[in-house]
C-alpha atoms as a PDB file:
ATOM      1  CA  MET A   1    -124.887 -14.687  14.609  1.00  0.00           C
ATOM      2  CA  GLU A   2    -127.205 -17.624  13.952  1.00  0.00           C
ATOM      3  CA  MET A   3    -126.102 -20.964  15.379  1.00  0.00           C
ATOM      4  CA  THR A   4    -126.086 -22.760  12.022  1.00  0.00           C
ATOM      5  CA  LEU A   5    -123.716 -20.191  10.542  1.00  0.00           C
ATOM      6  CA  PHE A   6    -121.570 -20.219  13.680  1.00  0.00           C
ATOM      7  CA  LYS A   7    -121.087 -23.998  13.518  1.00  0.00           C
ATOM      8  CA  ASP A   8    -120.349 -23.888   9.811  1.00  0.00           C
ATOM      9  CA  LEU A   9    -117.630 -21.268  10.317  1.00  0.00           C
ATOM     10  CA  VAL A  10    -116.080 -22.974  13.354  1.00  0.00           C
ATOM     11  CA  ASP A  11    -115.877 -26.256  11.453  1.00  0.00           C
ATOM     12  CA  GLN A  12    -113.743 -24.576   8.794  1.00  0.00           C
ATOM     13  CA  PHE A  13    -111.044 -23.522  11.251  1.00  0.00           C
ATOM     14  CA  PRO A  14    -108.278 -25.818  12.523  1.00  0.00           C
ATOM     15  CA  ASN A  15    -108.398 -27.314  16.001  1.00  0.00           C
ATOM     16  CA  GLU A  16    -106.389 -25.860  18.881  1.00  0.00           C
ATOM     17  CA  GLY A  17    -107.008 -22.268  17.880  1.00  0.00           C
ATOM     18  CA  GLU A  18    -108.508 -19.436  19.898  1.00  0.00           C
ATOM     19  CA  LEU A  19    -111.998 -18.044  19.410  1.00  0.00           C
ATOM     20  CA  HIS A  20    -112.801 -14.670  20.928  1.00  0.00           C
ATOM     21  CA  LEU A  21    -116.528 -13.932  21.080  1.00  0.00           C
ATOM     22  CA  GLN A  22    -117.051 -10.200  21.047  1.00  0.00           C
ATOM     23  CA  GLY A  23    -119.242  -7.646  19.335  1.00  0.00           C
ATOM     24  CA  LEU A  24    -120.671  -4.174  19.709  1.00  0.00           C
ATOM     25  CA  GLY A  25    -122.924  -5.351  22.539  1.00  0.00           C
ATOM     26  CA  GLU A  26    -122.789  -7.612  25.589  1.00  0.00           C
ATOM     27  CA  PRO A  27    -121.828 -11.165  24.466  1.00  0.00           C
ATOM     28  CA  LEU A  28    -123.488 -12.892  27.428  1.00  0.00           C
ATOM     29  CA  LEU A  29    -126.885 -11.657  26.233  1.00  0.00           C
ATOM     30  CA  HIS A  30    -126.759 -13.821  23.111  1.00  0.00           C
ATOM     31  CA  PRO A  31    -129.448 -16.484  23.729  1.00  0.00           C
ATOM     32  CA  ARG A  32    -127.125 -19.293  22.545  1.00  0.00           C
ATOM     33  CA  PHE A  33    -123.824 -17.917  23.820  1.00  0.00           C
ATOM     34  CA  PHE A  34    -122.954 -20.878  26.020  1.00  0.00           C
ATOM     35  CA  GLU A  35    -123.961 -23.341  23.317  1.00  0.00           C
ATOM     36  CA  MET A  36    -121.498 -21.544  21.043  1.00  0.00           C
ATOM     37  CA  VAL A  37    -118.768 -21.770  23.657  1.00  0.00           C
ATOM     38  CA  SER A  38    -119.341 -25.488  24.250  1.00  0.00           C
ATOM     39  CA  TYR A  39    -119.417 -26.256  20.524  1.00  0.00           C
ATOM     40  CA  ALA A  40    -116.126 -24.445  19.881  1.00  0.00           C
ATOM     41  CA  VAL A  41    -114.495 -26.095  22.902  1.00  0.00           C
ATOM     42  CA  ARG A  42    -115.491 -29.532  21.559  1.00  0.00           C
ATOM     43  CA  HIS A  43    -113.885 -28.465  18.278  1.00  0.00           C
ATOM     44  CA  GLY A  44    -110.639 -28.016  20.215  1.00  0.00           C
ATOM     45  CA  MET A  45    -110.711 -24.241  20.556  1.00  0.00           C
ATOM     46  CA  ARG A  46    -109.889 -22.086  23.533  1.00  0.00           C
ATOM     47  CA  VAL A  47    -112.816 -19.655  23.876  1.00  0.00           C
ATOM     48  CA  THR A  48    -112.598 -16.200  25.448  1.00  0.00           C
ATOM     49  CA  THR A  49    -114.854 -13.173  25.745  1.00  0.00           C
ATOM     50  CA  ASN A  50    -115.282  -9.662  27.140  1.00  0.00           C
ATOM     51  CA  SER A  51    -118.147  -8.641  29.400  1.00  0.00           C
ATOM     52  CA  ASN A  52    -119.401  -5.589  31.261  1.00  0.00           C
ATOM     53  CA  MET A  53    -120.706  -8.109  33.840  1.00  0.00           C
ATOM     54  CA  THR A  54    -123.970  -6.258  34.377  1.00  0.00           C
ATOM     55  CA  ARG A  55    -126.395  -8.974  33.277  1.00  0.00           C
ATOM     56  CA  LEU A  56    -124.906 -12.028  34.943  1.00  0.00           C
ATOM     57  CA  ASP A  57    -126.876 -14.160  37.383  1.00  0.00           C
ATOM     58  CA  ARG A  58    -126.087 -17.371  39.257  1.00  0.00           C
ATOM     59  CA  GLU A  59    -127.245 -19.605  36.400  1.00  0.00           C
ATOM     60  CA  ARG A  60    -125.140 -17.776  33.814  1.00  0.00           C
ATOM     61  CA  ALA A  61    -122.160 -17.776  36.179  1.00  0.00           C
ATOM     62  CA  GLU A  62    -122.360 -21.561  36.441  1.00  0.00           C
ATOM     63  CA  GLU A  63    -122.757 -21.843  32.664  1.00  0.00           C
ATOM     64  CA  CYS A  64    -119.500 -19.899  32.282  1.00  0.00           C
ATOM     65  CA  VAL A  65    -117.796 -22.720  34.151  1.00  0.00           C
ATOM     66  CA  ARG A  66    -119.697 -25.670  32.659  1.00  0.00           C
ATOM     67  CA  SER A  67    -119.183 -24.467  29.078  1.00  0.00           C
ATOM     68  CA  LYS A  68    -115.406 -24.385  29.722  1.00  0.00           C
ATOM     69  CA  LEU A  69    -114.989 -20.727  28.825  1.00  0.00           C
ATOM     70  CA  SER A  70    -111.252 -20.019  29.099  1.00  0.00           C
ATOM     71  CA  TRP A  71    -111.212 -16.428  30.308  1.00  0.00           C
ATOM     72  CA  ILE A  72    -113.370 -13.326  30.645  1.00  0.00           C
ATOM     73  CA  ARG A  73    -112.036  -9.785  30.485  1.00  0.00           C
ATOM     74  CA  ILE A  74    -114.321  -7.626  32.642  1.00  0.00           C
ATOM     75  CA  SER A  75    -114.759  -3.901  31.914  1.00  0.00           C
ATOM     76  CA  ILE A  76    -114.343  -1.751  35.037  1.00  0.00           C
ATOM     77  CA  ASP A  77    -113.364   1.874  34.477  1.00  0.00           C
ATOM     78  CA  GLY A  78    -113.233   3.152  38.032  1.00  0.00           C
ATOM     79  CA  SER A  79    -112.805   2.066  41.641  1.00  0.00           C
ATOM     80  CA  THR A  80    -115.636   4.208  43.013  1.00  0.00           C
ATOM     81  CA  PRO A  81    -119.325   4.144  42.076  1.00  0.00           C
ATOM     82  CA  ASP A  82    -119.341   7.824  41.097  1.00  0.00           C
ATOM     83  CA  THR A  83    -116.503   7.493  38.588  1.00  0.00           C
ATOM     84  CA  TYR A  84    -117.544   4.104  37.233  1.00  0.00           C
ATOM     85  CA  GLU A  85    -121.195   5.083  36.803  1.00  0.00           C
ATOM     86  CA  SER A  86    -120.333   8.398  35.119  1.00  0.00           C
ATOM     87  CA  ILE A  87    -118.599   6.360  32.410  1.00  0.00           C
ATOM     88  CA  ARG A  88    -120.793   3.242  32.296  1.00  0.00           C
ATOM     89  CA  THR A  89    -124.135   5.005  32.190  1.00  0.00           C
ATOM     90  CA  GLY A  90    -126.970   2.927  33.592  1.00  0.00           C
ATOM     91  CA  SER A  91    -124.710   0.410  35.274  1.00  0.00           C
ATOM     92  CA  ARG A  92    -123.923   0.007  38.967  1.00  0.00           C
ATOM     93  CA  LEU A  93    -120.477  -0.878  40.277  1.00  0.00           C
ATOM     94  CA  GLU A  94    -121.956  -2.755  43.234  1.00  0.00           C
ATOM     95  CA  ARG A  95    -123.894  -5.035  40.875  1.00  0.00           C
ATOM     96  CA  VAL A  96    -120.801  -5.726  38.766  1.00  0.00           C
ATOM     97  CA  LEU A  97    -118.726  -6.636  41.814  1.00  0.00           C
ATOM     98  CA  GLY A  98    -121.532  -8.866  43.073  1.00  0.00           C
ATOM     99  CA  ASN A  99    -121.630 -10.685  39.746  1.00  0.00           C
ATOM    100  CA  ILE A 100    -117.871 -11.226  39.855  1.00  0.00           C
ATOM    101  CA  GLU A 101    -118.423 -12.896  43.198  1.00  0.00           C
ATOM    102  CA  LEU A 102    -121.070 -15.146  41.612  1.00  0.00           C
ATOM    103  CA  LEU A 103    -118.438 -16.279  39.118  1.00  0.00           C
ATOM    104  CA  ARG A 104    -115.942 -16.975  41.867  1.00  0.00           C
ATOM    105  CA  GLN A 105    -118.543 -18.991  43.763  1.00  0.00           C
ATOM    106  CA  ALA A 106    -119.358 -20.988  40.623  1.00  0.00           C
ATOM    107  CA  LYS A 107    -115.677 -21.804  40.068  1.00  0.00           C
ATOM    108  CA  LYS A 108    -115.382 -22.898  43.680  1.00  0.00           C
ATOM    109  CA  LYS A 109    -118.525 -25.035  43.431  1.00  0.00           C
ATOM    110  CA  PHE A 110    -117.201 -26.930  40.409  1.00  0.00           C
ATOM    111  CA  ARG A 111    -113.580 -26.849  41.611  1.00  0.00           C
ATOM    112  CA  ALA A 112    -112.627 -25.198  38.333  1.00  0.00           C
ATOM    113  CA  ALA A 113    -109.729 -22.926  37.449  1.00  0.00           C
ATOM    114  CA  ALA A 114    -111.572 -21.442  34.482  1.00  0.00           C
ATOM    115  CA  PRO A 115    -112.784 -19.058  33.392  1.00  0.00           C
ATOM    116  CA  ARG A 116    -109.841 -16.954  34.463  1.00  0.00           C
ATOM    117  CA  LEU A 117    -110.938 -13.430  35.345  1.00  0.00           C
ATOM    118  CA  PHE A 118    -109.153 -10.316  34.084  1.00  0.00           C
ATOM    119  CA  LEU A 119    -110.000  -6.621  34.358  1.00  0.00           C
ATOM    120  CA  VAL A 120    -109.833  -4.144  31.479  1.00  0.00           C
ATOM    121  CA  MET A 121    -109.872  -0.415  32.167  1.00  0.00           C
ATOM    122  CA  VAL A 122    -110.249   2.316  29.576  1.00  0.00           C
ATOM    123  CA  ILE A 123    -108.157   5.100  31.055  1.00  0.00           C
ATOM    124  CA  MET A 124    -109.032   8.755  30.655  1.00  0.00           C
ATOM    125  CA  ARG A 125    -108.771  12.089  32.432  1.00  0.00           C
ATOM    126  CA  ARG A 126    -111.722  11.454  34.727  1.00  0.00           C
ATOM    127  CA  ASN A 127    -110.504   8.107  36.086  1.00  0.00           C
ATOM    128  CA  ILE A 128    -106.692   8.076  35.965  1.00  0.00           C
ATOM    129  CA  HIS A 129    -106.522   9.154  39.618  1.00  0.00           C
ATOM    130  CA  GLU A 130    -108.233   5.853  40.528  1.00  0.00           C
ATOM    131  CA  LEU A 131    -105.839   3.611  38.583  1.00  0.00           C
ATOM    132  CA  LYS A 132    -103.960   2.463  41.675  1.00  0.00           C
ATOM    133  CA  GLU A 133    -107.209   1.622  43.447  1.00  0.00           C
ATOM    134  CA  VAL A 134    -108.525  -0.245  40.388  1.00  0.00           C
ATOM    135  CA  VAL A 135    -105.435  -2.458  40.656  1.00  0.00           C
ATOM    136  CA  ARG A 136    -106.206  -3.022  44.321  1.00  0.00           C
ATOM    137  CA  LEU A 137    -109.873  -3.718  43.540  1.00  0.00           C
ATOM    138  CA  ALA A 138    -108.871  -6.349  40.966  1.00  0.00           C
ATOM    139  CA  HIS A 139    -106.595  -8.053  43.470  1.00  0.00           C
ATOM    140  CA  ASP A 140    -109.197  -8.014  46.236  1.00  0.00           C
ATOM    141  CA  ARG A 141    -111.842  -9.507  43.901  1.00  0.00           C
ATOM    142  CA  GLY A 142    -109.622 -12.345  42.682  1.00  0.00           C
ATOM    143  CA  LEU A 143    -108.894 -10.995  39.200  1.00  0.00           C
ATOM    144  CA  GLU A 144    -105.498 -12.007  37.824  1.00  0.00           C
ATOM    145  CA  GLN A 145    -104.605  -9.154  35.498  1.00  0.00           C
ATOM    146  CA  VAL A 146    -105.366  -5.488  34.881  1.00  0.00           C
ATOM    147  CA  PHE A 147    -105.176  -4.429  31.236  1.00  0.00           C
ATOM    148  CA  VAL A 148    -105.275  -0.658  30.738  1.00  0.00           C
ATOM    149  CA  GLN A 149    -105.881   0.936  27.351  1.00  0.00           C
ATOM    150  CA  HIS A 150    -106.256   4.441  26.001  1.00  0.00           C
ATOM    151  CA  LEU A 151    -109.624   5.897  25.123  1.00  0.00           C
ATOM    152  CA  CYS A 152    -109.511   5.845  21.343  1.00  0.00           C
ATOM    153  CA  TYR A 153    -111.988   5.501  18.531  1.00  0.00           C
ATOM    154  CA  ASP A 154    -111.551   6.323  14.854  1.00  0.00           C
ATOM    155  CA  LEU A 155    -114.450   8.415  13.594  1.00  0.00           C
ATOM    156  CA  SER A 156    -112.722   9.710  10.493  1.00  0.00           C
ATOM    157  CA  GLU A 157    -113.859   7.178   7.900  1.00  0.00           C
ATOM    158  CA  GLY A 158    -116.996   5.635   6.464  1.00  0.00           C
ATOM    159  CA  PRO A 159    -120.607   5.853   7.682  1.00  0.00           C
ATOM    160  CA  ILE A 160    -119.579   6.564  11.276  1.00  0.00           C
ATOM    161  CA  ARG A 161    -118.511  10.076  10.307  1.00  0.00           C
ATOM    162  CA  GLY A 162    -120.972  12.826  11.193  1.00  0.00           C
ATOM    163  CA  ARG A 163    -123.234  10.646  13.359  1.00  0.00           C
ATOM    164  CA  HIS A 164    -121.275  10.670  16.620  1.00  0.00           C
ATOM    165  CA  ARG A 165    -120.246  14.248  17.222  1.00  0.00           C
ATOM    166  CA  SER A 166    -120.955  13.905  20.948  1.00  0.00           C
ATOM    167  CA  MET A 167    -118.712  10.832  21.095  1.00  0.00           C
ATOM    168  CA  GLN A 168    -115.946  12.717  19.298  1.00  0.00           C
ATOM    169  CA  ASP A 169    -116.282  15.603  21.767  1.00  0.00           C
ATOM    170  CA  PHE A 170    -116.123  13.175  24.695  1.00  0.00           C
ATOM    171  CA  ILE A 171    -112.983  11.501  23.359  1.00  0.00           C
ATOM    172  CA  GLU A 172    -111.231  14.791  22.706  1.00  0.00           C
ATOM    173  CA  ALA A 173    -112.069  15.992  26.230  1.00  0.00           C
ATOM    174  CA  GLU A 174    -111.103  12.767  28.019  1.00  0.00           C
ATOM    175  CA  SER A 175    -108.177  11.316  26.027  1.00  0.00           C
ATOM    176  CA  LEU A 176    -104.790  11.205  27.736  1.00  0.00           C
ATOM    177  CA  LEU A 177    -102.826  11.382  24.503  1.00  0.00           C
ATOM    178  CA  ASN A 178    -102.434  15.155  24.845  1.00  0.00           C
ATOM    179  CA  ALA A 179    -102.401  15.298  28.642  1.00  0.00           C
ATOM    180  CA  ASP A 180     -99.389  16.119  30.816  1.00  0.00           C
ATOM    181  CA  ARG A 181     -97.030  13.140  30.565  1.00  0.00           C
ATOM    182  CA  ASN A 182     -95.385  13.726  33.922  1.00  0.00           C
ATOM    183  CA  ASP A 183     -98.757  13.579  35.660  1.00  0.00           C
ATOM    184  CA  ILE A 184     -99.723  10.426  33.762  1.00  0.00           C
ATOM    185  CA  GLN A 185     -96.377   8.796  34.522  1.00  0.00           C
ATOM    186  CA  SER A 186     -96.800   9.571  38.208  1.00  0.00           C
ATOM    187  CA  HIS A 187    -100.129   7.719  38.281  1.00  0.00           C
ATOM    188  CA  PHE A 188     -98.617   4.866  36.264  1.00  0.00           C
ATOM    189  CA  ASN A 189     -95.720   4.571  38.707  1.00  0.00           C
ATOM    190  CA  ASP A 190     -98.056   4.455  41.698  1.00  0.00           C
ATOM    191  CA  ALA A 191    -100.132   1.749  40.024  1.00  0.00           C
ATOM    192  CA  LEU A 192     -97.040  -0.267  39.087  1.00  0.00           C
ATOM    193  CA  ALA A 193     -95.810  -0.097  42.668  1.00  0.00           C
ATOM    194  CA  THR A 194     -99.182  -1.298  43.939  1.00  0.00           C
ATOM    195  CA  ALA A 195     -99.261  -4.112  41.371  1.00  0.00           C
ATOM    196  CA  GLY A 196     -95.777  -5.200  42.416  1.00  0.00           C
ATOM    197  CA  GLU A 197     -96.743  -5.165  46.064  1.00  0.00           C
ATOM    198  CA  LEU A 198     -99.889  -7.220  45.411  1.00  0.00           C
ATOM    199  CA  ARG A 199     -98.236  -9.438  42.786  1.00  0.00           C
ATOM    200  CA  ILE A 200    -100.866  -8.812  40.159  1.00  0.00           C
ATOM    201  CA  GLU A 201    -100.068  -8.328  36.472  1.00  0.00           C
ATOM    202  CA  LEU A 202    -100.572  -4.783  35.191  1.00  0.00           C
ATOM    203  CA  ARG A 203    -100.347  -3.878  31.500  1.00  0.00           C
ATOM    204  CA  LEU A 204    -100.214  -0.167  30.739  1.00  0.00           C
ATOM    205  CA  PRO A 205    -100.564   1.659  27.404  1.00  0.00           C
ATOM    206  CA  HIS A 206     -97.817   3.695  25.800  1.00  0.00           C
ATOM    207  CA  LEU A 207     -97.511   7.405  26.412  1.00  0.00           C
ATOM    208  CA  GLY A 208     -97.802   8.952  22.989  1.00  0.00           C
ATOM    209  CA  VAL A 209     -96.752   7.215  19.778  1.00  0.00           C
ATOM    210  CA  ARG A 210     -94.533   4.188  20.236  1.00  0.00           C
ATOM    211  CA  PRO A 211     -91.343   4.218  18.108  1.00  0.00           C
ATOM    212  CA  HIS A 212     -91.261   1.200  15.824  1.00  0.00           C
ATOM    213  CA  ALA A 213     -88.124  -0.764  14.999  1.00  0.00           C
ATOM    214  CA  VAL A 214     -88.808  -0.473  11.264  1.00  0.00           C
ATOM    215  CA  PRO A 215     -91.028   2.605  10.856  1.00  0.00           C
ATOM    216  CA  GLY A 216     -91.663   2.107   7.143  1.00  0.00           C
ATOM    217  CA  VAL A 217     -92.867  -1.498   7.315  1.00  0.00           C
ATOM    218  CA  GLY A 218     -96.485  -1.765   8.418  1.00  0.00           C
ATOM    219  CA  ARG A 219     -96.447  -5.424   9.406  1.00  0.00           C
ATOM    220  CA  THR A 220     -94.113  -4.643  12.304  1.00  0.00           C
ATOM    221  CA  ARG A 221     -96.829  -2.346  13.605  1.00  0.00           C
ATOM    222  CA  CYS A 222     -99.840  -4.613  13.075  1.00  0.00           C
ATOM    223  CA  ASP A 223     -99.962  -8.244  11.945  1.00  0.00           C
ATOM    224  CA  TRP A 224    -103.627  -8.972  12.669  1.00  0.00           C
ATOM    225  CA  PRO A 225    -104.682  -9.656   9.039  1.00  0.00           C
ATOM    226  CA  TRP A 226    -101.994 -12.369   8.839  1.00  0.00           C
ATOM    227  CA  ARG A 227    -102.804 -14.186  12.072  1.00  0.00           C
ATOM    228  CA  SER A 228    -106.509 -13.718  12.872  1.00  0.00           C
ATOM    229  CA  ALA A 229    -109.839 -13.701  11.091  1.00  0.00           C
ATOM    230  CA  TYR A 230    -112.432 -11.226  12.302  1.00  0.00           C
ATOM    231  CA  ILE A 231    -115.958 -12.083  11.197  1.00  0.00           C
ATOM    232  CA  SER A 232    -119.194 -10.125  11.559  1.00  0.00           C
ATOM    233  CA  SER A 233    -122.439 -11.680  12.750  1.00  0.00           C
ATOM    234  CA  ASP A 234    -123.552 -12.261   9.146  1.00  0.00           C
ATOM    235  CA  GLY A 235    -120.262 -13.807   8.042  1.00  0.00           C
ATOM    236  CA  ARG A 236    -118.491 -10.860   6.425  1.00  0.00           C
ATOM    237  CA  ALA A 237    -114.711 -10.746   6.923  1.00  0.00           C
ATOM    238  CA  MET A 238    -112.914  -7.662   8.198  1.00  0.00           C
ATOM    239  CA  PRO A 239    -109.161  -7.133   8.667  1.00  0.00           C
ATOM    240  CA  CYS A 240    -109.418  -6.679  12.441  1.00  0.00           C
ATOM    241  CA  CYS A 241    -111.733  -5.750  15.303  1.00  0.00           C
ATOM    242  CA  MET A 242    -110.704  -2.086  15.130  1.00  0.00           C
ATOM    243  CA  ILE A 243    -112.785  -1.711  11.951  1.00  0.00           C
ATOM    244  CA  GLY A 244    -115.866  -2.148  14.130  1.00  0.00           C
ATOM    245  CA  ILE A 245    -118.523  -2.748  11.477  1.00  0.00           C
ATOM    246  CA  PRO A 246    -118.258  -4.375   8.020  1.00  0.00           C
ATOM    247  CA  GLU A 247    -119.855  -1.352   6.367  1.00  0.00           C
ATOM    248  CA  ARG A 248    -116.512   0.402   6.848  1.00  0.00           C
ATOM    249  CA  LEU A 249    -114.461  -2.299   5.130  1.00  0.00           C
ATOM    250  CA  THR A 250    -115.066  -5.924   4.209  1.00  0.00           C
ATOM    251  CA  LEU A 251    -112.699  -8.344   2.506  1.00  0.00           C
ATOM    252  CA  GLY A 252    -115.272 -10.928   1.497  1.00  0.00           C
ATOM    253  CA  ASN A 253    -118.180 -13.044   2.697  1.00  0.00           C
ATOM    254  CA  MET A 254    -117.059 -16.171   4.547  1.00  0.00           C
ATOM    255  CA  ALA A 255    -120.655 -17.287   5.104  1.00  0.00           C
ATOM    256  CA  ARG A 256    -121.239 -17.427   1.370  1.00  0.00           C
ATOM    257  CA  ASP A 257    -117.811 -18.282  -0.034  1.00  0.00           C
ATOM    258  CA  GLY A 258    -116.064 -20.160   2.784  1.00  0.00           C
ATOM    259  CA  VAL A 259    -113.261 -19.277   5.164  1.00  0.00           C
ATOM    260  CA  LEU A 260    -110.175 -20.333   3.190  1.00  0.00           C
ATOM    261  CA  PRO A 261    -111.280 -18.916  -0.182  1.00  0.00           C
ATOM    262  CA  VAL A 262    -111.836 -15.507   1.404  1.00  0.00           C
ATOM    263  CA  TRP A 263    -108.698 -15.713   3.588  1.00  0.00           C
ATOM    264  CA  ASN A 264    -106.608 -16.377   0.468  1.00  0.00           C
ATOM    265  CA  SER A 265    -108.569 -14.019  -1.785  1.00  0.00           C
ATOM    266  CA  GLY A 266    -107.199 -11.162  -3.827  1.00  0.00           C
ATOM    267  CA  ALA A 267    -108.878  -8.646  -1.512  1.00  0.00           C
ATOM    268  CA  TYR A 268    -107.093 -10.047   1.554  1.00  0.00           C
ATOM    269  CA  ARG A 269    -103.756 -10.292  -0.282  1.00  0.00           C
ATOM    270  CA  GLU A 270    -104.031  -6.724  -1.517  1.00  0.00           C
ATOM    271  CA  PHE A 271    -104.903  -5.439   1.963  1.00  0.00           C
ATOM    272  CA  ARG A 272    -101.953  -7.279   3.518  1.00  0.00           C
ATOM    273  CA  SER A 273     -99.630  -5.977   0.821  1.00  0.00           C
ATOM    274  CA  ARG A 274    -100.757  -2.389   1.441  1.00  0.00           C
ATOM    275  CA  LEU A 275    -100.471  -2.783   5.209  1.00  0.00           C
ATOM    276  CA  ALA A 276     -96.907  -4.117   4.866  1.00  0.00           C
ATOM    277  CA  SER A 277     -95.891  -1.180   2.682  1.00  0.00           C
ATOM    278  CA  ASP A 278     -95.101   2.496   3.198  1.00  0.00           C
ATOM    279  CA  ASP A 279     -98.602   3.282   1.927  1.00  0.00           C
ATOM    280  CA  PRO A 280    -101.043   1.497   4.281  1.00  0.00           C
ATOM    281  CA  PRO A 281    -104.839   1.652   3.866  1.00  0.00           C
ATOM    282  CA  SER A 282    -106.310   4.919   5.102  1.00  0.00           C
ATOM    283  CA  LEU A 283    -108.181   3.188   7.934  1.00  0.00           C
ATOM    284  CA  CYS A 284    -104.880   1.837   9.251  1.00  0.00           C
ATOM    285  CA  ARG A 285    -103.115   5.193   9.225  1.00  0.00           C
ATOM    286  CA  THR A 286    -105.451   6.581  11.882  1.00  0.00           C
ATOM    287  CA  CYS A 287    -105.693   3.340  13.890  1.00  0.00           C
ATOM    288  CA  SER A 288    -104.369   3.430  17.466  1.00  0.00           C
ATOM    289  CA  VAL A 289    -102.771  -0.019  17.074  1.00  0.00           C
ATOM    290  CA  TYR A 290    -100.933   0.960  13.878  1.00  0.00           C
ATOM    291  CA  ARG A 291     -99.873   4.309  15.379  1.00  0.00           C
ATOM    292  CA  GLY A 292     -98.614   2.561  18.502  1.00  0.00           C
ATOM    293  CA  THR A 293    -100.802   4.192  21.134  1.00  0.00           C
ATOM    294  CA  PHE A 294    -103.105   1.297  22.044  1.00  0.00           C
END
């Protein structure tokens, strides 16, 4: 996203909100990332991001602190180099852990509590046996929370279909949704015990589809289009981050028409109405958040 557009969009949102900077790539590689963070913070926003932590250096680590970034969720999908590097192709676990240490040193240098450091793990068949040790790794490296989520990706709609057969095969082979629940629960219990012992927060995904209090009302399953705006790099609005790319579904152009006009537009209202009904949009029906497995 260009800086001029970014500022224009931020200025249209109220103060004291939260801005999460994320995309289909590594956010820290954006040449004006820290300028964006600082601008939004001055606007009164709490700014957060995700990172694979592979391209950090000492200067960027210190910029994370100086820009007043609130928290970073770091992607680590294994406790051993072999497992991690089989999933994060081209990356090195040793480098990631070294970069986390650079962040900790920067926080110590500036006597800062932020950014807070969390770990996110995509759990699958090849790494579930390391879940307990990932919790221990997070504790040992000064990370405050471990957030575990299922491997899930909707390839059933739009232009994504037919172009990622290998990805679909990988997901079907690695997903835990059809794995033995007793085995999964055993690993979960071990990890929970370790988290309790180390006093670190551990958030685990549901096993299978979560029962909803009001199964026929979609808003009880997902309320994202009522509480958050998700905007592409060129200003197009999408209902949520699970859509991935605006070519799949867009509800208007906030760069061209403004934030509030699009937010209150007929397209947004119709989408919310469908989502709150017994007949949600087709993209929502296959979504892991809506289905309760995320």
